[in-house]
Amino acid sequence: MPWPRFQGRGLERPAPDSSPLIGGMCRDVMGIADRNPSARRAGGIVRHPGLCYVFAYSPGRRRVLAAAARSGVSAAAAAAAAMVSPVTVVKSEGPKLVPFFKATCVYFVLWLPSSSPSWVSALIKCLPIFCLWLFLLAHGLGFLLTHPSATRIFAGLVFSALGDAFLIWQDQGYLVHGLLMFAVTHMLYASAFGMRPLALRTGLVMAVLSGLCYVLLYPCLSGAFTYLVGVYVALIGFMGWRAMAGLRLVGAAWRWTELAAGSGALFFIISDLTIALNKFCFPVPYSRALIMSTYYAAQMLIALSAVESREPVEDYRLSKAN
C-alpha cells in the first residue's frame, strides 16, 4: 500500500527507514480495531515504540487503511489525517436517505389532522422512521449483527415507531405508553453511544440543563406525571450526555459520527421539551411543525451516526498521488 501524502497537515512522506503498515503490523492494527468499538467509529491512532499508526478502519471489507509515521508526528496531525470528509459522507450515505426525505415530505404535505387519529395517520407519521430502518438495513444485515451500537440504534428506531403510534392516540389514554416507548429508545441510544470517553464536565452541564427543564415543567405537572416526566427528563439528559461526550467541534479530533450523534440528541431534546411545554404548560406557537421537524432531524442524525465508513482511503481524501 503506498504511503499517503497528507496535504496541508504538515505530514509528508517518511524517511526510507519508516515503512508503511504491511504484513504483521497491519494485522495487529486490524486486531486492535476489531476489539475497540471507539476505534471503529471512523479511524484512530495506535501507538507503538517509535511509531504512530494512523488508520481508517473498513469493517465491511476487513481492511485497515493505514499509515505509519515516526513518533515525532503529533497525534493531532495524525488524527486529522484520519478524518472522514463530510463530502464523502454525503455522497455515500445521501442516496440511502432519499426515501426518508420523501416520507418526511409526505407527512408535511398531507398534514393529517391530529384531532382525528387513525391508522392511516399513524402510518404516515411512522413512515420516515420505517425508512430509517431501511437506511440501516441497506448497509447489510451483517453490518448490524457485527456492530452492537448500530443494532441498538436500530432497536431504538423500532421503539420510536411504537411510541409515535401510541402518541397518535394520546388523548385516548396512550400518552404514558408513548412515554415508555421513548424512554426505552433513549436507553438504547445511550447504550449505543457508550460510556467512553466519560466526559464528566459534559455530564455535569447536561445534568444542570435537565434539572432546569424539570424545574420549568414541575409547576405544570400533576399526579403520576410529576414523577414520570422527571424520570423521562433524566433519561433523555443521560442520552444527551453520552451522545455529546465524544463531540469535538474543532481540531484534529473532530469526527462526523460524533457531530451527528450530538446534534441528533440536541434536536431530540428540543422536540421533547416542546411537546412537554405544549402539553402541560402553555400552547406553543407552531408546536406541531417544530416538534416534528426537530424530531425527524434527530432520528436521521442518530441513525447516520451508526454508520461506519467503509470507503477506500482515496475517498477519505487522506492522500494524493505524488
C-alpha atoms as a PDB file:
ATOM      1  CA  MET A   1       0.000   0.000   0.000  1.00  0.00           C
ATOM      2  CA  PRO A   2       1.513   3.362  -0.975  1.00  0.00           C
ATOM      3  CA  TRP A   3       2.346   5.880   1.669  1.00  0.00           C
ATOM      4  CA  PRO A   4      -0.332   8.609   1.686  1.00  0.00           C
ATOM      5  CA  ARG A   5       0.599  12.253   1.442  1.00  0.00           C
ATOM      6  CA  PHE A   6      -1.358  14.323   3.968  1.00  0.00           C
ATOM      7  CA  GLN A   7      -1.785  17.613   2.180  1.00  0.00           C
ATOM      8  CA  GLY A   8      -1.799  20.745   4.314  1.00  0.00           C
ATOM      9  CA  ARG A   9      -1.277  18.814   7.547  1.00  0.00           C
ATOM     10  CA  GLY A  10       2.491  19.053   7.842  1.00  0.00           C
ATOM     11  CA  LEU A  11       2.853  15.307   7.404  1.00  0.00           C
ATOM     12  CA  GLU A  12       4.856  14.339   4.335  1.00  0.00           C
ATOM     13  CA  ARG A  13       6.472  11.178   3.009  1.00  0.00           C
ATOM     14  CA  PRO A  14       8.508   9.472   5.772  1.00  0.00           C
ATOM     15  CA  ALA A  15      12.169   8.722   5.727  1.00  0.00           C
ATOM     16  CA  PRO A  16      13.120   5.454   3.981  1.00  0.00           C
ATOM     17  CA  ASP A  17      13.543   3.631   7.294  1.00  0.00           C
ATOM     18  CA  SER A  18       9.924   4.314   8.236  1.00  0.00           C
ATOM     19  CA  SER A  19       7.796   1.965   6.150  1.00  0.00           C
ATOM     20  CA  PRO A  20       4.053   1.680   5.593  1.00  0.00           C
ATOM     21  CA  LEU A  21       1.972  -0.724   7.648  1.00  0.00           C
ATOM     22  CA  ILE A  22       2.249  -4.093   5.970  1.00  0.00           C
ATOM     23  CA  GLY A  23       2.154  -7.732   6.940  1.00  0.00           C
ATOM     24  CA  GLY A  24       2.058  -8.452  10.660  1.00  0.00           C
ATOM     25  CA  MET A  25       1.873  -4.780  11.628  1.00  0.00           C
ATOM     26  CA  CYS A  26      -1.279  -4.324   9.576  1.00  0.00           C
ATOM     27  CA  ARG A  27      -2.826  -7.453  11.067  1.00  0.00           C
ATOM     28  CA  ASP A  28      -2.009  -6.199  14.554  1.00  0.00           C
ATOM     29  CA  VAL A  29      -3.753  -2.899  13.901  1.00  0.00           C
ATOM     30  CA  MET A  30      -6.736  -4.729  12.397  1.00  0.00           C
ATOM     31  CA  GLY A  31      -6.983  -6.832  15.545  1.00  0.00           C
ATOM     32  CA  ILE A  32      -6.897  -3.734  17.733  1.00  0.00           C
ATOM     33  CA  ALA A  33      -9.612  -2.094  15.621  1.00  0.00           C
ATOM     34  CA  ASP A  34     -11.740  -5.267  15.806  1.00  0.00           C
ATOM     35  CA  ARG A  35     -11.606  -5.181  19.607  1.00  0.00           C
ATOM     36  CA  ASN A  36     -12.019  -1.431  20.005  1.00  0.00           C
ATOM     37  CA  PRO A  37     -15.505  -0.032  19.182  1.00  0.00           C
ATOM     38  CA  SER A  38     -14.354   3.563  19.584  1.00  0.00           C
ATOM     39  CA  ALA A  39     -11.571   2.994  17.045  1.00  0.00           C
ATOM     40  CA  ARG A  40     -14.077   1.608  14.560  1.00  0.00           C
ATOM     41  CA  ARG A  41     -16.171   4.766  14.610  1.00  0.00           C
ATOM     42  CA  ALA A  42     -14.178   6.412  11.836  1.00  0.00           C
ATOM     43  CA  GLY A  43     -10.490   5.900  12.457  1.00  0.00           C
ATOM     44  CA  GLY A  44      -7.913   6.211  15.142  1.00  0.00           C
ATOM     45  CA  ILE A  45      -4.366   6.152  16.336  1.00  0.00           C
ATOM     46  CA  VAL A  46      -2.454   3.145  17.658  1.00  0.00           C
ATOM     47  CA  ARG A  47       0.923   3.790  19.264  1.00  0.00           C
ATOM     48  CA  HIS A  48       3.939   1.519  19.176  1.00  0.00           C
ATOM     49  CA  PRO A  49       7.503   2.220  20.363  1.00  0.00           C
ATOM     50  CA  GLY A  50       8.970   4.610  17.815  1.00  0.00           C
ATOM     51  CA  LEU A  51       5.914   4.617  15.557  1.00  0.00           C
ATOM     52  CA  CYS A  52       2.426   6.065  15.426  1.00  0.00           C
ATOM     53  CA  TYR A  53      -0.065   4.075  13.334  1.00  0.00           C
ATOM     54  CA  VAL A  54      -2.852   6.136  11.799  1.00  0.00           C
ATOM     55  CA  PHE A  55      -5.688   4.089  10.357  1.00  0.00           C
ATOM     56  CA  ALA A  56      -9.172   4.318   8.930  1.00  0.00           C
ATOM     57  CA  TYR A  57     -10.907   1.031   9.670  1.00  0.00           C
ATOM     58  CA  SER A  58     -13.047  -0.604   6.985  1.00  0.00           C
ATOM     59  CA  PRO A  59     -15.193  -3.300   8.670  1.00  0.00           C
ATOM     60  CA  GLY A  60     -17.197  -4.171   5.546  1.00  0.00           C
ATOM     61  CA  ARG A  61     -14.045  -5.247   3.732  1.00  0.00           C
ATOM     62  CA  ARG A  62     -11.956  -6.161   6.781  1.00  0.00           C
ATOM     63  CA  ARG A  63      -9.315  -3.735   5.610  1.00  0.00           C
ATOM     64  CA  VAL A  64      -7.142  -1.366   7.562  1.00  0.00           C
ATOM     65  CA  LEU A  65      -6.329   1.707   5.528  1.00  0.00           C
ATOM     66  CA  ALA A  66      -3.315   2.766   7.469  1.00  0.00           C
ATOM     67  CA  ALA A  67      -0.021   4.537   7.553  1.00  0.00           C
ATOM     68  CA  ALA A  68       2.879   4.623   9.976  1.00  0.00           C
ATOM     69  CA  ALA A  69       4.716   7.767  10.932  1.00  0.00           C
ATOM     70  CA  ARG A  70       7.641   8.424  13.194  1.00  0.00           C
ATOM     71  CA  SER A  71       6.748   9.227  16.773  1.00  0.00           C
ATOM     72  CA  GLY A  72       7.778  12.821  16.109  1.00  0.00           C
ATOM     73  CA  VAL A  73       4.483  13.350  14.242  1.00  0.00           C
ATOM     74  CA  SER A  74       1.927  14.899  16.553  1.00  0.00           C
ATOM     75  CA  ALA A  75      -1.202  12.937  17.433  1.00  0.00           C
ATOM     76  CA  ALA A  76      -3.253  15.929  16.313  1.00  0.00           C
ATOM     77  CA  ALA A  77      -1.779  15.834  12.815  1.00  0.00           C
ATOM     78  CA  ALA A  78      -2.212  12.079  12.675  1.00  0.00           C
ATOM     79  CA  ALA A  79      -5.850  12.238  13.781  1.00  0.00           C
ATOM     80  CA  ALA A  80      -6.548  14.994  11.291  1.00  0.00           C
ATOM     81  CA  ALA A  81      -5.276  12.737   8.556  1.00  0.00           C
ATOM     82  CA  ALA A  82      -7.701  10.001   9.612  1.00  0.00           C
ATOM     83  CA  MET A  83     -10.784  12.240   9.469  1.00  0.00           C
ATOM     84  CA  VAL A  84     -13.554  11.466   7.014  1.00  0.00           C
ATOM     85  CA  SER A  85     -14.569  14.183   4.586  1.00  0.00           C
ATOM     86  CA  PRO A  86     -18.197  15.376   5.053  1.00  0.00           C
ATOM     87  CA  VAL A  87     -18.454  15.436   1.258  1.00  0.00           C
ATOM     88  CA  THR A  88     -17.659  11.722   1.219  1.00  0.00           C
ATOM     89  CA  VAL A  89     -20.360  11.100   3.813  1.00  0.00           C
ATOM     90  CA  VAL A  90     -22.964  12.958   1.736  1.00  0.00           C
ATOM     91  CA  LYS A  91     -22.008  11.121  -1.440  1.00  0.00           C
ATOM     92  CA  SER A  92     -22.006   7.671   0.140  1.00  0.00           C
ATOM     93  CA  GLU A  93     -24.959   7.955   2.550  1.00  0.00           C
ATOM     94  CA  GLY A  94     -27.135  10.610   0.892  1.00  0.00           C
ATOM     95  CA  PRO A  95     -28.755   8.322  -1.710  1.00  0.00           C
ATOM     96  CA  LYS A  96     -29.762   5.848   1.013  1.00  0.00           C
ATOM     97  CA  LEU A  97     -31.601   8.661   2.843  1.00  0.00           C
ATOM     98  CA  VAL A  98     -33.714   9.710  -0.158  1.00  0.00           C
ATOM     99  CA  PRO A  99     -36.717   7.540   0.927  1.00  0.00           C
ATOM    100  CA  PHE A 100     -36.572   9.146   4.387  1.00  0.00           C
ATOM    101  CA  PHE A 101     -36.664  12.662   2.920  1.00  0.00           C
ATOM    102  CA  LYS A 102     -39.547  11.717   0.625  1.00  0.00           C
ATOM    103  CA  ALA A 103     -41.531  10.187   3.508  1.00  0.00           C
ATOM    104  CA  THR A 104     -40.918  13.297   5.624  1.00  0.00           C
ATOM    105  CA  CYS A 105     -42.219  15.468   2.789  1.00  0.00           C
ATOM    106  CA  VAL A 106     -45.314  13.244   2.522  1.00  0.00           C
ATOM    107  CA  TYR A 107     -46.010  13.794   6.222  1.00  0.00           C
ATOM    108  CA  PHE A 108     -45.767  17.578   5.991  1.00  0.00           C
ATOM    109  CA  VAL A 109     -47.665  17.783   2.696  1.00  0.00           C
ATOM    110  CA  LEU A 110     -50.592  15.655   3.865  1.00  0.00           C
ATOM    111  CA  TRP A 111     -50.575  17.226   7.357  1.00  0.00           C
ATOM    112  CA  LEU A 112     -53.383  14.982   8.590  1.00  0.00           C
ATOM    113  CA  PRO A 113     -55.447  16.473  11.445  1.00  0.00           C
ATOM    114  CA  SER A 114     -54.090  15.430  14.813  1.00  0.00           C
ATOM    115  CA  SER A 115     -57.609  15.700  16.252  1.00  0.00           C
ATOM    116  CA  SER A 116     -58.828  12.671  14.266  1.00  0.00           C
ATOM    117  CA  PRO A 117     -56.341   9.835  14.915  1.00  0.00           C
ATOM    118  CA  SER A 118     -56.437   6.807  12.648  1.00  0.00           C
ATOM    119  CA  TRP A 119     -54.210   4.006  11.457  1.00  0.00           C
ATOM    120  CA  VAL A 120     -53.593   5.989   8.273  1.00  0.00           C
ATOM    121  CA  SER A 121     -52.283   8.994  10.235  1.00  0.00           C
ATOM    122  CA  ALA A 122     -50.187   6.634  12.387  1.00  0.00           C
ATOM    123  CA  LEU A 123     -48.684   5.071   9.247  1.00  0.00           C
ATOM    124  CA  ILE A 124     -47.892   8.450   7.685  1.00  0.00           C
ATOM    125  CA  LYS A 125     -46.273   9.641  10.924  1.00  0.00           C
ATOM    126  CA  CYS A 126     -44.176   6.477  11.309  1.00  0.00           C
ATOM    127  CA  LEU A 127     -43.206   6.201   7.633  1.00  0.00           C
ATOM    128  CA  PRO A 128     -39.996   8.294   7.926  1.00  0.00           C
ATOM    129  CA  ILE A 129     -38.868   6.094  10.833  1.00  0.00           C
ATOM    130  CA  PHE A 130     -39.567   2.976   8.761  1.00  0.00           C
ATOM    131  CA  CYS A 131     -37.330   4.490   6.073  1.00  0.00           C
ATOM    132  CA  LEU A 132     -34.547   4.881   8.639  1.00  0.00           C
ATOM    133  CA  TRP A 133     -34.905   1.158   9.375  1.00  0.00           C
ATOM    134  CA  LEU A 134     -34.294   0.576   5.677  1.00  0.00           C
ATOM    135  CA  PHE A 135     -31.390   3.025   5.729  1.00  0.00           C
ATOM    136  CA  LEU A 136     -29.557   0.930   8.320  1.00  0.00           C
ATOM    137  CA  LEU A 137     -30.562  -2.355   6.689  1.00  0.00           C
ATOM    138  CA  ALA A 138     -29.185  -1.037   3.382  1.00  0.00           C
ATOM    139  CA  HIS A 139     -25.710  -1.387   4.867  1.00  0.00           C
ATOM    140  CA  GLY A 140     -26.298  -5.115   5.190  1.00  0.00           C
ATOM    141  CA  LEU A 141     -27.661  -7.393   7.885  1.00  0.00           C
ATOM    142  CA  GLY A 142     -24.108  -8.483   8.622  1.00  0.00           C
ATOM    143  CA  PHE A 143     -23.227  -4.875   9.397  1.00  0.00           C
ATOM    144  CA  LEU A 144     -25.928  -4.713  12.082  1.00  0.00           C
ATOM    145  CA  LEU A 145     -25.036  -8.121  13.508  1.00  0.00           C
ATOM    146  CA  THR A 146     -21.342  -7.264  13.850  1.00  0.00           C
ATOM    147  CA  HIS A 147     -21.873  -3.731  15.218  1.00  0.00           C
ATOM    148  CA  PRO A 148     -23.736  -3.732  18.551  1.00  0.00           C
ATOM    149  CA  SER A 149     -24.042   0.054  18.580  1.00  0.00           C
ATOM    150  CA  ALA A 150     -25.801   0.050  15.202  1.00  0.00           C
ATOM    151  CA  THR A 151     -28.062  -2.782  16.371  1.00  0.00           C
ATOM    152  CA  ARG A 152     -29.091  -0.785  19.448  1.00  0.00           C
ATOM    153  CA  ILE A 153     -29.825   2.295  17.365  1.00  0.00           C
ATOM    154  CA  PHE A 154     -31.932   0.139  15.041  1.00  0.00           C
ATOM    155  CA  ALA A 155     -33.816  -1.221  18.065  1.00  0.00           C
ATOM    156  CA  GLY A 156     -34.265   2.353  19.307  1.00  0.00           C
ATOM    157  CA  LEU A 157     -35.864   3.258  15.982  1.00  0.00           C
ATOM    158  CA  VAL A 158     -38.266   0.321  16.368  1.00  0.00           C
ATOM    159  CA  PHE A 159     -39.372   1.543  19.807  1.00  0.00           C
ATOM    160  CA  SER A 160     -39.599   5.092  18.428  1.00  0.00           C
ATOM    161  CA  ALA A 161     -42.088   3.940  15.800  1.00  0.00           C
ATOM    162  CA  LEU A 162     -44.162   2.270  18.535  1.00  0.00           C
ATOM    163  CA  GLY A 163     -44.015   5.469  20.583  1.00  0.00           C
ATOM    164  CA  ASP A 164     -45.135   7.525  17.583  1.00  0.00           C
ATOM    165  CA  ALA A 165     -48.117   5.215  17.077  1.00  0.00           C
ATOM    166  CA  PHE A 166     -49.134   5.436  20.744  1.00  0.00           C
ATOM    167  CA  LEU A 167     -48.885   9.235  20.723  1.00  0.00           C
ATOM    168  CA  ILE A 168     -51.383   9.397  17.849  1.00  0.00           C
ATOM    169  CA  TRP A 169     -53.948   8.244  20.428  1.00  0.00           C
ATOM    170  CA  GLN A 170     -52.512  10.140  23.398  1.00  0.00           C
ATOM    171  CA  ASP A 171     -55.857  11.839  24.121  1.00  0.00           C
ATOM    172  CA  GLN A 172     -57.405   8.373  24.414  1.00  0.00           C
ATOM    173  CA  GLY A 173     -55.087   7.483  27.288  1.00  0.00           C
ATOM    174  CA  TYR A 174     -51.967   6.241  25.472  1.00  0.00           C
ATOM    175  CA  LEU A 175     -49.636   9.091  26.400  1.00  0.00           C
ATOM    176  CA  VAL A 176     -47.933   7.029  29.111  1.00  0.00           C
ATOM    177  CA  HIS A 177     -47.421   4.155  26.660  1.00  0.00           C
ATOM    178  CA  GLY A 178     -45.721   6.511  24.219  1.00  0.00           C
ATOM    179  CA  LEU A 179     -43.608   7.959  27.014  1.00  0.00           C
ATOM    180  CA  LEU A 180     -42.488   4.467  27.981  1.00  0.00           C
ATOM    181  CA  MET A 181     -41.535   3.553  24.394  1.00  0.00           C
ATOM    182  CA  PHE A 182     -39.396   6.654  24.026  1.00  0.00           C
ATOM    183  CA  ALA A 183     -37.809   6.070  27.437  1.00  0.00           C
ATOM    184  CA  VAL A 184     -36.662   2.663  26.160  1.00  0.00           C
ATOM    185  CA  THR A 185     -35.451   4.379  22.971  1.00  0.00           C
ATOM    186  CA  HIS A 186     -33.253   6.781  24.938  1.00  0.00           C
ATOM    187  CA  MET A 187     -31.764   3.944  26.984  1.00  0.00           C
ATOM    188  CA  LEU A 188     -30.908   2.064  23.798  1.00  0.00           C
ATOM    189  CA  TYR A 189     -29.357   5.144  22.225  1.00  0.00           C
ATOM    190  CA  ALA A 190     -27.315   5.882  25.346  1.00  0.00           C
ATOM    191  CA  SER A 191     -26.088   2.287  25.354  1.00  0.00           C
ATOM    192  CA  ALA A 192     -25.148   2.600  21.673  1.00  0.00           C
ATOM    193  CA  PHE A 193     -23.113   5.759  22.315  1.00  0.00           C
ATOM    194  CA  GLY A 194     -21.262   4.027  25.160  1.00  0.00           C
ATOM    195  CA  MET A 195     -19.559   5.281  28.301  1.00  0.00           C
ATOM    196  CA  ARG A 196     -16.190   6.230  26.818  1.00  0.00           C
ATOM    197  CA  PRO A 197     -14.995   8.905  26.980  1.00  0.00           C
ATOM    198  CA  LEU A 198     -16.686   9.674  30.296  1.00  0.00           C
ATOM    199  CA  ALA A 199     -16.657  13.481  29.857  1.00  0.00           C
ATOM    200  CA  LEU A 200     -17.762  14.366  33.383  1.00  0.00           C
ATOM    201  CA  ARG A 201     -17.930  18.099  32.652  1.00  0.00           C
ATOM    202  CA  THR A 202     -20.304  17.455  29.763  1.00  0.00           C
ATOM    203  CA  GLY A 203     -22.358  15.246  32.078  1.00  0.00           C
ATOM    204  CA  LEU A 204     -22.482  17.999  34.700  1.00  0.00           C
ATOM    205  CA  VAL A 205     -23.686  20.525  32.110  1.00  0.00           C
ATOM    206  CA  MET A 206     -26.386  18.135  30.890  1.00  0.00           C
ATOM    207  CA  ALA A 207     -27.464  17.414  34.464  1.00  0.00           C
ATOM    208  CA  VAL A 208     -27.854  21.139  35.176  1.00  0.00           C
ATOM    209  CA  LEU A 209     -29.803  21.712  31.955  1.00  0.00           C
ATOM    210  CA  SER A 210     -32.041  18.707  32.646  1.00  0.00           C
ATOM    211  CA  GLY A 211     -32.684  19.995  36.157  1.00  0.00           C
ATOM    212  CA  LEU A 212     -33.614  23.438  34.822  1.00  0.00           C
ATOM    213  CA  CYS A 213     -36.022  21.868  32.312  1.00  0.00           C
ATOM    214  CA  TYR A 214     -37.720  19.870  35.070  1.00  0.00           C
ATOM    215  CA  VAL A 215     -37.960  22.949  37.295  1.00  0.00           C
ATOM    216  CA  LEU A 216     -39.650  24.745  34.399  1.00  0.00           C
ATOM    217  CA  LEU A 217     -42.138  21.909  33.905  1.00  0.00           C
ATOM    218  CA  TYR A 218     -42.744  20.969  37.550  1.00  0.00           C
ATOM    219  CA  PRO A 219     -45.430  23.595  38.399  1.00  0.00           C
ATOM    220  CA  CYS A 220     -47.471  22.396  35.424  1.00  0.00           C
ATOM    221  CA  LEU A 221     -47.339  18.689  36.316  1.00  0.00           C
ATOM    222  CA  SER A 222     -49.746  16.765  38.476  1.00  0.00           C
ATOM    223  CA  GLY A 223     -50.380  13.204  39.577  1.00  0.00           C
ATOM    224  CA  ALA A 224     -48.228  10.431  38.148  1.00  0.00           C
ATOM    225  CA  PHE A 225     -46.790  12.756  35.506  1.00  0.00           C
ATOM    226  CA  THR A 226     -44.853  14.582  38.231  1.00  0.00           C
ATOM    227  CA  TYR A 227     -42.659  11.503  38.557  1.00  0.00           C
ATOM    228  CA  LEU A 228     -42.902  10.073  35.051  1.00  0.00           C
ATOM    229  CA  VAL A 229     -41.782  13.296  33.414  1.00  0.00           C
ATOM    230  CA  GLY A 230     -38.939  13.600  35.946  1.00  0.00           C
ATOM    231  CA  VAL A 231     -37.657  10.120  35.078  1.00  0.00           C
ATOM    232  CA  TYR A 232     -38.026  10.822  31.364  1.00  0.00           C
ATOM    233  CA  VAL A 233     -36.099  14.105  31.631  1.00  0.00           C
ATOM    234  CA  ALA A 234     -33.314  12.259  33.456  1.00  0.00           C
ATOM    235  CA  LEU A 235     -33.166   9.569  30.748  1.00  0.00           C
ATOM    236  CA  ILE A 236     -33.075  11.951  27.796  1.00  0.00           C
ATOM    237  CA  GLY A 237     -30.497  14.081  29.635  1.00  0.00           C
ATOM    238  CA  PHE A 238     -28.360  10.965  30.143  1.00  0.00           C
ATOM    239  CA  MET A 239     -28.716  10.070  26.464  1.00  0.00           C
ATOM    240  CA  GLY A 240     -27.714  13.606  25.515  1.00  0.00           C
ATOM    241  CA  TRP A 241     -24.645  13.372  27.748  1.00  0.00           C
ATOM    242  CA  ARG A 242     -23.479  10.139  26.146  1.00  0.00           C
ATOM    243  CA  ALA A 243     -24.147  11.468  22.640  1.00  0.00           C
ATOM    244  CA  MET A 244     -22.144  14.638  23.258  1.00  0.00           C
ATOM    245  CA  ALA A 245     -19.365  13.073  25.343  1.00  0.00           C
ATOM    246  CA  GLY A 246     -17.113  12.457  22.352  1.00  0.00           C
ATOM    247  CA  LEU A 247     -18.051  15.625  20.458  1.00  0.00           C
ATOM    248  CA  ARG A 248     -15.169  17.835  19.357  1.00  0.00           C
ATOM    249  CA  LEU A 249     -16.165  20.834  17.261  1.00  0.00           C
ATOM    250  CA  VAL A 250     -12.655  21.962  16.341  1.00  0.00           C
ATOM    251  CA  GLY A 251      -9.220  20.473  15.954  1.00  0.00           C
ATOM    252  CA  ALA A 252      -7.990  17.136  14.747  1.00  0.00           C
ATOM    253  CA  ALA A 253     -10.300  15.099  16.988  1.00  0.00           C
ATOM    254  CA  TRP A 254     -13.384  16.215  15.032  1.00  0.00           C
ATOM    255  CA  ARG A 255     -15.415  13.373  13.525  1.00  0.00           C
ATOM    256  CA  TRP A 256     -18.703  13.460  11.683  1.00  0.00           C
ATOM    257  CA  THR A 257     -20.173  10.494  13.595  1.00  0.00           C
ATOM    258  CA  GLU A 258     -19.875  12.290  16.943  1.00  0.00           C
ATOM    259  CA  LEU A 259     -21.209  15.504  15.399  1.00  0.00           C
ATOM    260  CA  ALA A 260     -24.238  13.634  14.040  1.00  0.00           C
ATOM    261  CA  ALA A 261     -24.898  11.940  17.390  1.00  0.00           C
ATOM    262  CA  GLY A 262     -24.562  15.148  19.413  1.00  0.00           C
ATOM    263  CA  SER A 263     -26.713  17.175  17.006  1.00  0.00           C
ATOM    264  CA  GLY A 264     -29.344  14.442  16.937  1.00  0.00           C
ATOM    265  CA  ALA A 265     -29.532  14.337  20.728  1.00  0.00           C
ATOM    266  CA  LEU A 266     -29.888  18.131  20.882  1.00  0.00           C
ATOM    267  CA  PHE A 267     -32.744  18.110  18.342  1.00  0.00           C
ATOM    268  CA  PHE A 268     -34.432  15.286  20.293  1.00  0.00           C
ATOM    269  CA  ILE A 269     -34.285  17.312  23.499  1.00  0.00           C
ATOM    270  CA  ILE A 270     -35.760  20.375  21.755  1.00  0.00           C
ATOM    271  CA  SER A 271     -38.564  18.265  20.279  1.00  0.00           C
ATOM    272  CA  ASP A 272     -39.490  16.596  23.575  1.00  0.00           C
ATOM    273  CA  LEU A 273     -39.257  19.838  25.565  1.00  0.00           C
ATOM    274  CA  THR A 274     -41.642  21.470  23.096  1.00  0.00           C
ATOM    275  CA  ILE A 275     -44.056  18.545  23.500  1.00  0.00           C
ATOM    276  CA  ALA A 276     -43.967  18.882  27.285  1.00  0.00           C
ATOM    277  CA  LEU A 277     -44.438  22.654  27.273  1.00  0.00           C
ATOM    278  CA  ASN A 278     -47.303  22.422  24.786  1.00  0.00           C
ATOM    279  CA  LYS A 279     -48.969  19.521  26.629  1.00  0.00           C
ATOM    280  CA  PHE A 280     -48.602  20.590  30.246  1.00  0.00           C
ATOM    281  CA  CYS A 281     -47.799  24.316  30.402  1.00  0.00           C
ATOM    282  CA  PHE A 282     -48.982  26.594  27.589  1.00  0.00           C
ATOM    283  CA  PRO A 283     -49.714  26.471  23.845  1.00  0.00           C
ATOM    284  CA  VAL A 284     -46.515  26.758  21.827  1.00  0.00           C
ATOM    285  CA  PRO A 285     -46.957  28.585  18.503  1.00  0.00           C
ATOM    286  CA  TYR A 286     -46.454  26.250  15.527  1.00  0.00           C
ATOM    287  CA  SER A 287     -45.746  23.491  18.017  1.00  0.00           C
ATOM    288  CA  ARG A 288     -46.513  20.577  15.723  1.00  0.00           C
ATOM    289  CA  ALA A 289     -44.227  21.803  12.950  1.00  0.00           C
ATOM    290  CA  LEU A 290     -41.426  22.494  15.446  1.00  0.00           C
ATOM    291  CA  ILE A 291     -41.875  19.160  17.219  1.00  0.00           C
ATOM    292  CA  MET A 292     -41.923  17.001  14.098  1.00  0.00           C
ATOM    293  CA  SER A 293     -39.182  18.802  12.156  1.00  0.00           C
ATOM    294  CA  THR A 294     -36.725  18.566  15.055  1.00  0.00           C
ATOM    295  CA  TYR A 295     -37.835  15.002  15.811  1.00  0.00           C
ATOM    296  CA  TYR A 296     -37.250  13.710  12.282  1.00  0.00           C
ATOM    297  CA  ALA A 297     -33.927  15.561  12.084  1.00  0.00           C
ATOM    298  CA  ALA A 298     -32.884  13.988  15.395  1.00  0.00           C
ATOM    299  CA  GLN A 299     -33.723  10.456  14.297  1.00  0.00           C
ATOM    300  CA  MET A 300     -31.958  10.883  10.960  1.00  0.00           C
ATOM    301  CA  LEU A 301     -28.766  12.194  12.567  1.00  0.00           C
ATOM    302  CA  ILE A 302     -28.715   9.472  15.217  1.00  0.00           C
ATOM    303  CA  ALA A 303     -29.242   6.798  12.552  1.00  0.00           C
ATOM    304  CA  LEU A 304     -26.450   8.389  10.491  1.00  0.00           C
ATOM    305  CA  SER A 305     -24.114   8.285  13.493  1.00  0.00           C
ATOM    306  CA  ALA A 306     -24.379   4.485  13.500  1.00  0.00           C
ATOM    307  CA  VAL A 307     -22.869   4.168  10.047  1.00  0.00           C
ATOM    308  CA  GLU A 308     -19.281   3.025   9.877  1.00  0.00           C
ATOM    309  CA  SER A 309     -17.285   4.387   6.969  1.00  0.00           C
ATOM    310  CA  ARG A 310     -16.160   1.694   4.540  1.00  0.00           C
ATOM    311  CA  GLU A 311     -14.727   3.843   1.763  1.00  0.00           C
ATOM    312  CA  PRO A 312     -11.266   3.385   0.253  1.00  0.00           C
ATOM    313  CA  VAL A 313      -8.522   5.622   1.516  1.00  0.00           C
ATOM    314  CA  GLU A 314      -8.768   7.809  -1.582  1.00  0.00           C
ATOM    315  CA  ASP A 315     -12.394   8.630  -0.758  1.00  0.00           C
ATOM    316  CA  TYR A 316     -11.317   9.862   2.616  1.00  0.00           C
ATOM    317  CA  ARG A 317      -9.174  12.426   0.824  1.00  0.00           C
ATOM    318  CA  LEU A 318      -6.289  11.339   3.004  1.00  0.00           C
ATOM    319  CA  SER A 319      -3.892  11.013   0.135  1.00  0.00           C
ATOM    320  CA  LYS A 320      -2.954  12.149  -3.333  1.00  0.00           C
ATOM    321  CA  ALA A 321      -0.683  10.553  -5.840  1.00  0.00           C
ATOM    322  CA  ASN A 322       2.777  12.017  -5.744  1.00  0.00           C
END
